[in-house]
Amino acid sequence: MLLVPWAAGGPITRYPSADNWVYRLSIDDTKAGIRMSQYAEQQLDCKRPHMLLENTPWGNSNYKTITQYFVGKQTLDVTWFEWNTKLNVAKILLRESLENEADCILLVGNYAESKYFFKQRLS
């Protein structure tokens, strides 16, 4: 059995066999990305969502899922950010997304970087 407590990438949990002994404690990106997208569209009435994704396999996995959800529904832009993103870069990236008329942001990132996006947005 493989215990993957923090992994969220769908491919991690899918072994190419009927015998799959992977047990996960977190939600799969392919489900979370769809749920986030549905919430943005249906509850927040988001007409121009913007993805703000960390440039990792995790971000790529979410890119695929979220993009698939919005195909044919709304214009969807994406900004990729790197690990170790700090407040000044977060400020620039958020400003650029708002200049592109984003009315909601779908953020996928680790705490170390995401906290700066929230700090900037709250200031």
N, C-alpha and C. Protein backbone atom coordinates (compact mmCIF):
# COMPACT_ATOMS: atom_id res chain seq x y z
N MET A 1 0.84 -1.17 0.00
CA MET A 1 0.00 0.00 0.00
C MET A 1 0.89 1.24 0.00
N LEU A 2 0.50 2.22 -0.77
CA LEU A 2 1.22 3.48 -0.85
C LEU A 2 0.31 4.57 -0.27
N LEU A 3 0.78 5.26 0.76
CA LEU A 3 0.03 6.34 1.37
C LEU A 3 0.57 7.66 0.84
N VAL A 4 -0.28 8.44 0.22
CA VAL A 4 0.13 9.71 -0.38
C VAL A 4 -0.68 10.82 0.27
N PRO A 5 -0.25 11.34 1.44
CA PRO A 5 -1.09 12.27 2.18
C PRO A 5 -1.19 13.67 1.57
N TRP A 6 -0.22 14.13 0.82
CA TRP A 6 -0.27 15.49 0.30
C TRP A 6 -0.43 15.57 -1.20
N ALA A 7 -0.24 14.47 -1.88
CA ALA A 7 -0.32 14.50 -3.33
C ALA A 7 -1.75 14.75 -3.78
N ALA A 8 -1.91 15.58 -4.79
CA ALA A 8 -3.25 15.84 -5.30
C ALA A 8 -3.34 15.58 -6.79
N GLY A 9 -2.24 15.28 -7.44
CA GLY A 9 -2.26 15.03 -8.88
C GLY A 9 -2.94 13.72 -9.19
N GLY A 10 -3.95 13.76 -10.06
CA GLY A 10 -4.68 12.57 -10.43
C GLY A 10 -3.81 11.41 -10.88
N PRO A 11 -2.77 11.64 -11.71
CA PRO A 11 -1.95 10.52 -12.19
C PRO A 11 -1.24 9.75 -11.07
N ILE A 12 -1.03 10.38 -9.92
CA ILE A 12 -0.36 9.69 -8.81
C ILE A 12 -1.22 8.54 -8.30
N THR A 13 -2.52 8.68 -8.35
CA THR A 13 -3.41 7.67 -7.78
C THR A 13 -3.90 6.64 -8.79
N ARG A 14 -3.49 6.77 -10.01
CA ARG A 14 -3.98 5.85 -11.03
C ARG A 14 -2.87 4.92 -11.54
N TYR A 15 -2.87 3.71 -11.04
CA TYR A 15 -1.91 2.71 -11.49
C TYR A 15 -2.53 1.96 -12.65
N PRO A 16 -1.76 1.66 -13.69
CA PRO A 16 -2.35 1.03 -14.88
C PRO A 16 -2.68 -0.45 -14.68
N SER A 17 -3.36 -0.75 -13.60
CA SER A 17 -3.73 -2.13 -13.29
C SER A 17 -5.03 -2.10 -12.49
N ALA A 18 -5.75 -3.20 -12.51
CA ALA A 18 -6.97 -3.28 -11.70
C ALA A 18 -6.64 -3.29 -10.22
N ASP A 19 -5.44 -3.75 -9.87
CA ASP A 19 -5.01 -3.77 -8.48
C ASP A 19 -4.32 -2.44 -8.16
N ASN A 20 -5.02 -1.59 -7.49
CA ASN A 20 -4.48 -0.28 -7.15
C ASN A 20 -4.48 -0.17 -5.63
N TRP A 21 -3.30 -0.11 -5.05
CA TRP A 21 -3.18 -0.08 -3.59
C TRP A 21 -2.79 1.30 -3.08
N VAL A 22 -3.08 2.30 -3.85
CA VAL A 22 -2.78 3.66 -3.43
C VAL A 22 -3.96 4.18 -2.61
N TYR A 23 -3.67 4.70 -1.45
CA TYR A 23 -4.69 5.32 -0.60
C TYR A 23 -4.32 6.78 -0.43
N ARG A 24 -5.27 7.66 -0.68
CA ARG A 24 -4.97 9.08 -0.58
C ARG A 24 -5.87 9.74 0.45
N LEU A 25 -5.34 10.80 1.04
CA LEU A 25 -6.06 11.53 2.06
C LEU A 25 -6.57 12.88 1.56
N SER A 26 -6.21 13.27 0.38
CA SER A 26 -6.63 14.57 -0.13
C SER A 26 -7.48 14.36 -1.38
N ILE A 27 -8.10 15.45 -1.81
CA ILE A 27 -8.96 15.35 -2.99
C ILE A 27 -8.12 15.38 -4.27
N ASP A 28 -8.55 14.66 -5.24
CA ASP A 28 -7.91 14.55 -6.54
C ASP A 28 -8.14 15.85 -7.33
N ASP A 29 -7.11 16.35 -8.00
CA ASP A 29 -7.22 17.58 -8.80
C ASP A 29 -8.36 17.52 -9.81
N THR A 30 -8.55 16.36 -10.39
CA THR A 30 -9.57 16.26 -11.42
C THR A 30 -10.96 16.49 -10.85
N LYS A 31 -11.12 16.29 -9.56
CA LYS A 31 -12.38 16.59 -8.89
C LYS A 31 -12.38 18.00 -8.31
N ALA A 32 -11.29 18.38 -7.68
CA ALA A 32 -11.20 19.71 -7.06
C ALA A 32 -11.26 20.81 -8.11
N GLY A 33 -10.57 20.63 -9.22
CA GLY A 33 -10.57 21.64 -10.28
C GLY A 33 -11.95 21.86 -10.86
N ILE A 34 -12.69 20.78 -11.04
CA ILE A 34 -14.05 20.90 -11.54
C ILE A 34 -14.93 21.60 -10.51
N ARG A 35 -14.81 21.21 -9.26
CA ARG A 35 -15.64 21.80 -8.20
C ARG A 35 -15.34 23.30 -8.05
N MET A 36 -14.05 23.67 -8.07
CA MET A 36 -13.69 25.09 -7.99
C MET A 36 -14.29 25.85 -9.17
N SER A 37 -14.21 25.27 -10.34
CA SER A 37 -14.73 25.90 -11.55
C SER A 37 -16.24 26.06 -11.49
N GLN A 38 -16.92 25.01 -11.04
CA GLN A 38 -18.37 25.08 -10.90
C GLN A 38 -18.77 26.17 -9.91
N TYR A 39 -18.07 26.24 -8.80
CA TYR A 39 -18.38 27.25 -7.79
C TYR A 39 -18.17 28.66 -8.35
N ALA A 40 -17.07 28.86 -9.04
CA ALA A 40 -16.79 30.17 -9.62
C ALA A 40 -17.87 30.56 -10.62
N GLU A 41 -18.26 29.63 -11.44
CA GLU A 41 -19.25 29.91 -12.47
C GLU A 41 -20.67 30.06 -11.90
N GLN A 42 -21.08 29.12 -11.07
CA GLN A 42 -22.47 29.07 -10.63
C GLN A 42 -22.75 29.91 -9.39
N GLN A 43 -21.84 29.93 -8.44
CA GLN A 43 -22.09 30.66 -7.19
C GLN A 43 -21.58 32.10 -7.25
N LEU A 44 -20.45 32.29 -7.91
CA LEU A 44 -19.85 33.63 -7.97
C LEU A 44 -20.22 34.37 -9.25
N ASP A 45 -20.90 33.68 -10.16
CA ASP A 45 -21.29 34.25 -11.45
C ASP A 45 -20.08 34.81 -12.20
N CYS A 46 -19.00 34.08 -12.14
CA CYS A 46 -17.75 34.49 -12.76
C CYS A 46 -17.87 34.36 -14.27
N LYS A 47 -17.66 35.47 -14.96
CA LYS A 47 -17.76 35.50 -16.42
C LYS A 47 -16.40 35.47 -17.11
N ARG A 48 -15.37 35.86 -16.39
CA ARG A 48 -14.03 35.91 -16.96
C ARG A 48 -13.01 35.40 -15.93
N PRO A 49 -13.01 34.08 -15.70
CA PRO A 49 -12.08 33.52 -14.72
C PRO A 49 -10.63 33.58 -15.19
N HIS A 50 -9.74 33.66 -14.24
CA HIS A 50 -8.31 33.68 -14.52
C HIS A 50 -7.64 32.64 -13.64
N MET A 51 -6.88 31.74 -14.26
CA MET A 51 -6.14 30.74 -13.50
C MET A 51 -4.79 31.33 -13.09
N LEU A 52 -4.46 31.18 -11.84
CA LEU A 52 -3.16 31.58 -11.31
C LEU A 52 -2.56 30.30 -10.75
N LEU A 53 -1.63 29.71 -11.52
CA LEU A 53 -1.16 28.35 -11.24
C LEU A 53 0.34 28.31 -11.02
N GLU A 54 0.74 27.49 -10.05
CA GLU A 54 2.18 27.29 -9.88
C GLU A 54 2.69 26.43 -11.02
N ASN A 55 3.89 26.76 -11.47
CA ASN A 55 4.48 26.11 -12.63
C ASN A 55 5.14 24.79 -12.21
N THR A 56 4.28 23.80 -11.96
CA THR A 56 4.70 22.47 -11.52
C THR A 56 3.76 21.45 -12.15
N PRO A 57 4.06 20.16 -12.02
CA PRO A 57 3.10 19.16 -12.50
C PRO A 57 1.72 19.31 -11.86
N TRP A 58 1.67 19.74 -10.63
CA TRP A 58 0.40 19.97 -9.94
C TRP A 58 -0.38 21.09 -10.65
N GLY A 59 0.30 22.18 -10.95
CA GLY A 59 -0.33 23.26 -11.69
C GLY A 59 -0.78 22.82 -13.07
N ASN A 60 0.05 22.04 -13.75
CA ASN A 60 -0.30 21.52 -15.09
C ASN A 60 -1.54 20.63 -15.04
N SER A 61 -1.64 19.80 -14.01
CA SER A 61 -2.79 18.93 -13.86
C SER A 61 -4.06 19.75 -13.68
N ASN A 62 -3.98 20.78 -12.86
CA ASN A 62 -5.14 21.66 -12.67
C ASN A 62 -5.46 22.46 -13.92
N TYR A 63 -4.45 22.86 -14.65
CA TYR A 63 -4.66 23.57 -15.91
C TYR A 63 -5.54 22.74 -16.85
N LYS A 64 -5.20 21.47 -16.98
CA LYS A 64 -5.95 20.59 -17.88
C LYS A 64 -7.40 20.45 -17.41
N THR A 65 -7.60 20.20 -16.14
CA THR A 65 -8.94 19.99 -15.61
C THR A 65 -9.80 21.24 -15.71
N ILE A 66 -9.27 22.37 -15.28
CA ILE A 66 -10.04 23.62 -15.28
C ILE A 66 -10.33 24.07 -16.71
N THR A 67 -9.33 23.95 -17.58
CA THR A 67 -9.53 24.32 -18.98
C THR A 67 -10.63 23.48 -19.62
N GLN A 68 -10.61 22.19 -19.36
CA GLN A 68 -11.64 21.31 -19.92
C GLN A 68 -13.03 21.71 -19.44
N TYR A 69 -13.13 22.11 -18.17
CA TYR A 69 -14.43 22.51 -17.64
C TYR A 69 -14.98 23.74 -18.38
N PHE A 70 -14.12 24.71 -18.64
CA PHE A 70 -14.58 25.97 -19.21
C PHE A 70 -14.63 26.01 -20.74
N VAL A 71 -14.24 24.94 -21.42
CA VAL A 71 -14.27 24.92 -22.88
C VAL A 71 -15.68 25.25 -23.37
N GLY A 72 -15.78 26.25 -24.23
CA GLY A 72 -17.05 26.64 -24.80
C GLY A 72 -17.94 27.46 -23.87
N LYS A 73 -17.47 27.74 -22.65
CA LYS A 73 -18.30 28.49 -21.70
C LYS A 73 -17.84 29.93 -21.54
N GLN A 74 -16.58 30.10 -21.20
CA GLN A 74 -16.05 31.43 -20.95
C GLN A 74 -14.62 31.53 -21.45
N THR A 75 -14.17 32.76 -21.62
CA THR A 75 -12.76 33.01 -21.91
C THR A 75 -11.99 32.73 -20.63
N LEU A 76 -10.88 32.05 -20.77
CA LEU A 76 -10.11 31.65 -19.61
C LEU A 76 -8.65 31.97 -19.85
N ASP A 77 -8.08 32.80 -18.99
CA ASP A 77 -6.67 33.15 -19.08
C ASP A 77 -5.89 32.43 -17.98
N VAL A 78 -4.59 32.33 -18.18
CA VAL A 78 -3.75 31.68 -17.17
C VAL A 78 -2.47 32.47 -16.98
N THR A 79 -2.02 32.51 -15.74
CA THR A 79 -0.70 33.04 -15.39
C THR A 79 0.00 31.96 -14.58
N TRP A 80 1.23 31.69 -14.97
CA TRP A 80 2.05 30.70 -14.26
C TRP A 80 3.01 31.44 -13.35
N PHE A 81 3.21 30.92 -12.14
CA PHE A 81 4.20 31.51 -11.23
C PHE A 81 5.12 30.41 -10.71
N GLU A 82 6.27 30.83 -10.27
CA GLU A 82 7.31 29.89 -9.82
C GLU A 82 7.32 29.77 -8.31
N TRP A 83 7.97 28.73 -7.82
CA TRP A 83 8.19 28.61 -6.39
C TRP A 83 8.98 29.82 -5.92
N ASN A 84 8.82 30.16 -4.68
CA ASN A 84 9.52 31.27 -4.05
C ASN A 84 9.01 32.63 -4.55
N THR A 85 7.77 32.67 -5.05
CA THR A 85 7.16 33.93 -5.42
C THR A 85 6.89 34.72 -4.15
N LYS A 86 7.25 35.97 -4.17
CA LYS A 86 7.09 36.84 -2.99
C LYS A 86 6.05 37.92 -3.28
N LEU A 87 5.88 38.84 -2.34
CA LEU A 87 4.83 39.84 -2.39
C LEU A 87 4.88 40.72 -3.63
N ASN A 88 6.06 41.20 -4.02
CA ASN A 88 6.14 42.10 -5.19
C ASN A 88 5.70 41.41 -6.47
N VAL A 89 6.10 40.17 -6.66
CA VAL A 89 5.69 39.43 -7.86
C VAL A 89 4.19 39.13 -7.80
N ALA A 90 3.70 38.77 -6.62
CA ALA A 90 2.27 38.51 -6.46
C ALA A 90 1.47 39.76 -6.82
N LYS A 91 1.96 40.91 -6.40
CA LYS A 91 1.29 42.18 -6.70
C LYS A 91 1.21 42.40 -8.21
N ILE A 92 2.31 42.18 -8.91
CA ILE A 92 2.35 42.36 -10.36
C ILE A 92 1.40 41.39 -11.06
N LEU A 93 1.44 40.12 -10.66
CA LEU A 93 0.61 39.10 -11.31
C LEU A 93 -0.88 39.37 -11.09
N LEU A 94 -1.24 39.78 -9.89
CA LEU A 94 -2.65 40.10 -9.62
C LEU A 94 -3.09 41.32 -10.41
N ARG A 95 -2.23 42.32 -10.46
CA ARG A 95 -2.56 43.54 -11.22
C ARG A 95 -2.78 43.19 -12.70
N GLU A 96 -1.91 42.35 -13.26
CA GLU A 96 -2.05 41.96 -14.66
C GLU A 96 -3.34 41.19 -14.90
N SER A 97 -3.72 40.33 -13.98
CA SER A 97 -4.97 39.57 -14.17
C SER A 97 -6.17 40.51 -14.12
N LEU A 98 -6.14 41.50 -13.26
CA LEU A 98 -7.25 42.46 -13.19
C LEU A 98 -7.27 43.37 -14.41
N GLU A 99 -6.10 43.72 -14.94
CA GLU A 99 -6.04 44.52 -16.16
C GLU A 99 -6.61 43.75 -17.35
N ASN A 100 -6.55 42.43 -17.29
CA ASN A 100 -7.14 41.59 -18.33
C ASN A 100 -8.61 41.31 -18.06
N GLU A 101 -9.18 42.06 -17.13
CA GLU A 101 -10.60 42.02 -16.80
C GLU A 101 -11.07 40.72 -16.15
N ALA A 102 -10.20 40.05 -15.42
CA ALA A 102 -10.61 38.86 -14.68
C ALA A 102 -11.58 39.28 -13.58
N ASP A 103 -12.66 38.52 -13.45
CA ASP A 103 -13.59 38.82 -12.36
C ASP A 103 -13.52 37.78 -11.24
N CYS A 104 -12.70 36.77 -11.43
CA CYS A 104 -12.38 35.85 -10.34
C CYS A 104 -11.06 35.15 -10.68
N ILE A 105 -10.40 34.68 -9.65
CA ILE A 105 -9.11 34.02 -9.82
C ILE A 105 -9.18 32.64 -9.20
N LEU A 106 -8.76 31.65 -9.97
CA LEU A 106 -8.66 30.28 -9.49
C LEU A 106 -7.18 30.03 -9.19
N LEU A 107 -6.84 30.02 -7.93
CA LEU A 107 -5.45 29.91 -7.49
C LEU A 107 -5.12 28.48 -7.09
N VAL A 108 -4.03 27.96 -7.64
CA VAL A 108 -3.50 26.66 -7.25
C VAL A 108 -2.04 26.88 -6.89
N GLY A 109 -1.72 26.75 -5.61
CA GLY A 109 -0.35 26.95 -5.17
C GLY A 109 -0.16 26.47 -3.76
N ASN A 110 1.07 26.33 -3.40
CA ASN A 110 1.42 25.95 -2.03
C ASN A 110 1.33 27.17 -1.11
N TYR A 111 1.29 26.91 0.16
CA TYR A 111 1.14 27.97 1.15
C TYR A 111 2.24 29.03 1.03
N ALA A 112 3.48 28.58 0.84
CA ALA A 112 4.62 29.51 0.83
C ALA A 112 4.44 30.63 -0.19
N GLU A 113 3.87 30.32 -1.33
CA GLU A 113 3.65 31.34 -2.36
C GLU A 113 2.25 31.95 -2.27
N SER A 114 1.26 31.14 -2.01
CA SER A 114 -0.13 31.60 -2.00
C SER A 114 -0.39 32.67 -0.97
N LYS A 115 0.30 32.60 0.15
CA LYS A 115 0.06 33.61 1.20
C LYS A 115 0.34 35.02 0.69
N TYR A 116 1.26 35.17 -0.24
CA TYR A 116 1.56 36.50 -0.77
C TYR A 116 0.45 37.01 -1.69
N PHE A 117 -0.18 36.11 -2.40
CA PHE A 117 -1.32 36.53 -3.23
C PHE A 117 -2.47 37.00 -2.34
N PHE A 118 -2.70 36.28 -1.26
CA PHE A 118 -3.77 36.68 -0.34
C PHE A 118 -3.43 37.97 0.38
N LYS A 119 -2.19 38.10 0.83
CA LYS A 119 -1.78 39.34 1.49
C LYS A 119 -1.95 40.53 0.57
N GLN A 120 -1.54 40.39 -0.67
CA GLN A 120 -1.66 41.48 -1.62
C GLN A 120 -3.13 41.80 -1.90
N ARG A 121 -3.93 40.80 -2.05
CA ARG A 121 -5.35 41.01 -2.37
C ARG A 121 -6.06 41.68 -1.20
N LEU A 122 -5.67 41.37 0.00
CA LEU A 122 -6.31 41.94 1.19
C LEU A 122 -5.84 43.35 1.52
N SER A 123 -4.72 43.77 0.91
CA SER A 123 -4.19 45.10 1.25
C SER A 123 -4.77 46.19 0.37
